[in-house]
């Protein structure tokens, strides 16, 4: 177990209500970062994975109305889980600078996950310096812009699914 780093996320649920996030097939997905939901999600992840602790536990999307949970409450439960030894590091994905500052106001933030590529370097302006100044690890997603930068997508490619509305795939 010590040779593997396990990272998973919380905050997108389908078995309990929250703020509507997306629909996949017939299933509604909701954003929910309430303390109750986070505790249930970490317990379920530990059980499914058959492990005693999660190395990096990350909020997937930050809470929004109408089912809003303040970051203070989210951080409080994450700090409790860390103290209990169920998680080792606290992360947050899809955050802006204000979110990061608020996380830091209430506790530690060990890692963020943000979109970054040679075509989308917006995080260099504020997020990267803020993370550097506060010792926060930055993990990027979509560095190849959903395959666009691999050189395998031709001009006649017809985007579908997650790429359908992305600016880089428009003609």
Protein backbone atom coordinates (compact mmCIF):
# COMPACT_ATOMS: atom_id res chain seq x y z
CA UNK A 1 0.00 0.00 0.00
CA UNK A 2 2.87 2.38 0.78
CA UNK A 3 4.07 2.12 -2.84
CA UNK A 4 0.84 3.54 -4.27
CA UNK A 5 -0.66 7.03 -3.98
CA UNK A 6 -4.45 6.91 -3.98
CA UNK A 7 -6.27 10.06 -5.02
CA UNK A 8 -10.02 10.38 -5.32
CA UNK A 9 -12.61 13.12 -5.31
CA UNK A 10 -15.80 14.01 -3.52
CA UNK A 11 -18.67 16.34 -4.20
CA UNK A 12 -20.38 14.83 -7.26
CA UNK A 13 -23.16 12.50 -6.17
CA UNK A 14 -26.19 10.80 -7.64
CA UNK A 15 -27.67 9.04 -4.63
CA UNK A 16 -28.42 12.25 -2.72
CA UNK A 17 -29.62 15.70 -3.71
CA UNK A 18 -27.51 18.77 -4.24
CA UNK A 19 -27.16 21.47 -6.88
CA UNK A 20 -27.79 20.01 -10.33
CA UNK A 21 -24.48 19.42 -12.09
CA UNK A 22 -25.06 17.22 -15.11
CA UNK A 23 -27.12 14.40 -16.51
CA UNK A 24 -25.47 11.21 -17.73
CA UNK A 25 -27.93 8.91 -19.45
CA UNK A 26 -30.91 8.66 -17.14
CA UNK A 27 -28.90 9.59 -14.05
CA UNK A 28 -28.84 13.08 -12.54
CA UNK A 29 -25.55 14.19 -11.00
CA UNK A 30 -25.46 16.74 -8.19
CA UNK A 31 -22.84 18.88 -6.50
CA UNK A 32 -22.88 18.28 -2.75
CA UNK A 33 -20.05 19.24 -0.41
CA UNK A 34 -22.02 19.03 2.82
CA UNK A 35 -20.16 17.43 5.73
CA UNK A 36 -22.62 14.50 5.73
CA UNK A 37 -22.09 13.82 2.04
CA UNK A 38 -18.30 14.06 2.30
CA UNK A 39 -18.22 11.64 5.25
CA UNK A 40 -20.43 9.15 3.38
CA UNK A 41 -18.33 9.48 0.22
CA UNK A 42 -15.00 8.93 1.99
CA UNK A 43 -16.39 5.89 3.84
CA UNK A 44 -17.72 4.45 0.57
CA UNK A 45 -14.39 5.07 -1.21
CA UNK A 46 -12.40 3.41 1.57
CA UNK A 47 -14.71 0.40 1.49
CA UNK A 48 -14.75 0.09 -2.33
CA UNK A 49 -10.97 0.42 -2.54
CA UNK A 50 -10.34 -1.87 0.42
CA UNK A 51 -7.91 0.56 2.07
CA UNK A 52 -7.58 2.31 5.44
CA UNK A 53 -6.74 5.80 4.18
CA UNK A 54 -6.82 7.94 1.05
CA UNK A 55 -3.60 9.81 0.27
CA UNK A 56 -5.21 12.75 -1.53
CA UNK A 57 -8.88 13.60 -1.12
CA UNK A 58 -10.08 16.33 -3.42
CA UNK A 59 -13.28 18.31 -3.76
CA UNK A 60 -14.30 18.00 -7.41
CA UNK A 61 -16.29 21.21 -7.92
CA UNK A 62 -16.95 23.90 -5.38
CA UNK A 63 -20.39 24.29 -3.87
CA UNK A 64 -22.98 26.50 -5.56
CA UNK A 65 -26.57 27.53 -4.79
CA UNK A 66 -29.24 26.38 -4.34
CA UNK A 67 -27.57 23.63 -2.28
CA UNK A 68 -24.68 25.73 -1.03
CA UNK A 69 -22.23 24.59 1.63
CA UNK A 70 -19.71 27.23 2.77
CA UNK A 71 -16.06 26.34 2.24
CA UNK A 72 -15.58 26.71 6.02
CA UNK A 73 -17.86 23.71 6.60
CA UNK A 74 -16.25 21.68 3.83
CA UNK A 75 -12.75 22.38 5.17
CA UNK A 76 -13.84 21.58 8.73
CA UNK A 77 -14.95 18.06 7.79
CA UNK A 78 -11.86 17.52 5.62
CA UNK A 79 -9.66 18.58 8.57
CA UNK A 80 -11.54 16.13 10.80
CA UNK A 81 -11.02 13.31 8.29
CA UNK A 82 -7.33 14.18 8.14
CA UNK A 83 -7.07 14.15 11.96
CA UNK A 84 -8.85 10.78 12.00
CA UNK A 85 -6.26 9.38 9.57
CA UNK A 86 -8.83 8.67 6.84
CA UNK A 87 -7.20 11.13 4.42
CA UNK A 88 -3.64 12.42 4.31
CA UNK A 89 -3.88 15.46 2.04
CA UNK A 90 -6.65 17.91 1.18
CA UNK A 91 -7.17 18.96 -2.41
CA UNK A 92 -9.57 21.09 -4.40
CA UNK A 93 -10.27 20.97 -8.12
CA UNK A 94 -11.75 23.66 -10.34
CA UNK A 95 -11.02 26.47 -7.89
CA UNK A 96 -10.31 30.13 -8.40
CA UNK A 97 -7.97 32.30 -6.32
CA UNK A 98 -10.74 33.35 -3.93
CA UNK A 99 -11.61 29.71 -3.25
CA UNK A 100 -7.96 28.96 -2.47
CA UNK A 101 -7.70 31.89 -0.08
CA UNK A 102 -10.86 30.74 1.67
CA UNK A 103 -9.58 27.16 2.01
CA UNK A 104 -6.37 28.54 3.54
CA UNK A 105 -8.36 30.74 5.91
CA UNK A 106 -9.95 27.65 7.48
CA UNK A 107 -7.19 25.07 7.20
CA UNK A 108 -4.61 23.54 4.91
CA UNK A 109 -4.86 23.07 1.18
CA UNK A 110 -2.21 20.67 -0.03
CA UNK A 111 -2.99 20.39 -3.74
CA UNK A 112 -5.23 21.87 -6.41
CA UNK A 113 -6.22 20.49 -9.78
CA UNK A 114 -6.77 22.99 -12.59
CA UNK A 115 -7.05 23.04 -16.36
CA UNK A 116 -3.80 23.98 -18.06
CA UNK A 117 -2.30 23.57 -21.51
CA UNK A 118 -0.19 25.49 -23.98
CA UNK A 119 -3.49 26.77 -25.43
CA UNK A 120 -5.02 27.71 -22.06
CA UNK A 121 -2.44 29.25 -19.77
CA UNK A 122 -4.81 31.41 -17.70
CA UNK A 123 -3.73 29.83 -14.41
CA UNK A 124 -0.26 31.37 -14.81
CA UNK A 125 -1.63 34.80 -13.95
CA UNK A 126 -2.99 34.25 -10.45
CA UNK A 127 -3.36 30.60 -9.47
CA UNK A 128 0.24 29.49 -10.00
CA UNK A 129 1.80 32.39 -8.05
CA UNK A 130 -0.75 31.96 -5.24
CA UNK A 131 -0.03 28.24 -5.02
CA UNK A 132 3.72 28.79 -5.17
CA UNK A 133 3.55 31.37 -2.37
CA UNK A 134 1.51 29.02 -0.17
CA UNK A 135 3.29 25.73 -0.87
CA UNK A 136 0.30 24.21 -2.68
CA UNK A 137 1.02 21.49 -5.24
CA UNK A 138 -0.56 22.06 -8.67
CA UNK A 139 -1.85 19.08 -10.63
CA UNK A 140 -3.11 19.91 -14.12
CA UNK A 141 -5.80 18.30 -16.20
CA UNK A 142 -6.38 18.41 -19.95
CA UNK A 143 -2.77 19.35 -20.82
CA UNK A 144 -3.31 17.93 -24.32
CA UNK A 145 -6.68 19.70 -24.76
CA UNK A 146 -8.69 16.49 -24.97
CA UNK A 147 -6.38 15.06 -27.62
CA UNK A 148 -6.13 18.13 -29.83
CA UNK A 149 -2.41 18.58 -29.11
CA UNK A 150 -1.54 14.94 -29.81
CA UNK A 151 -1.42 15.51 -33.55
CA UNK A 152 -3.92 12.73 -34.18
CA UNK A 153 -7.02 14.88 -34.72
CA UNK A 154 -7.44 15.86 -38.36
CA UNK A 155 -9.28 18.86 -39.86
CA UNK A 156 -12.23 16.65 -40.84
CA UNK A 157 -12.70 15.44 -37.24
CA UNK A 158 -16.29 15.83 -36.05
CA UNK A 159 -16.35 16.44 -32.29
CA UNK A 160 -18.85 14.65 -30.14
CA UNK A 161 -19.44 14.07 -26.46
CA UNK A 162 -17.29 16.20 -24.17
CA UNK A 163 -15.53 17.87 -27.11
CA UNK A 164 -18.70 19.01 -28.90
CA UNK A 165 -18.86 22.49 -27.35
CA UNK A 166 -15.14 23.13 -26.82
CA UNK A 167 -13.79 26.20 -28.59
CA UNK A 168 -10.72 24.41 -29.92
CA UNK A 169 -12.90 21.92 -31.81
CA UNK A 170 -15.09 24.52 -33.54
CA UNK A 171 -14.58 25.23 -37.21
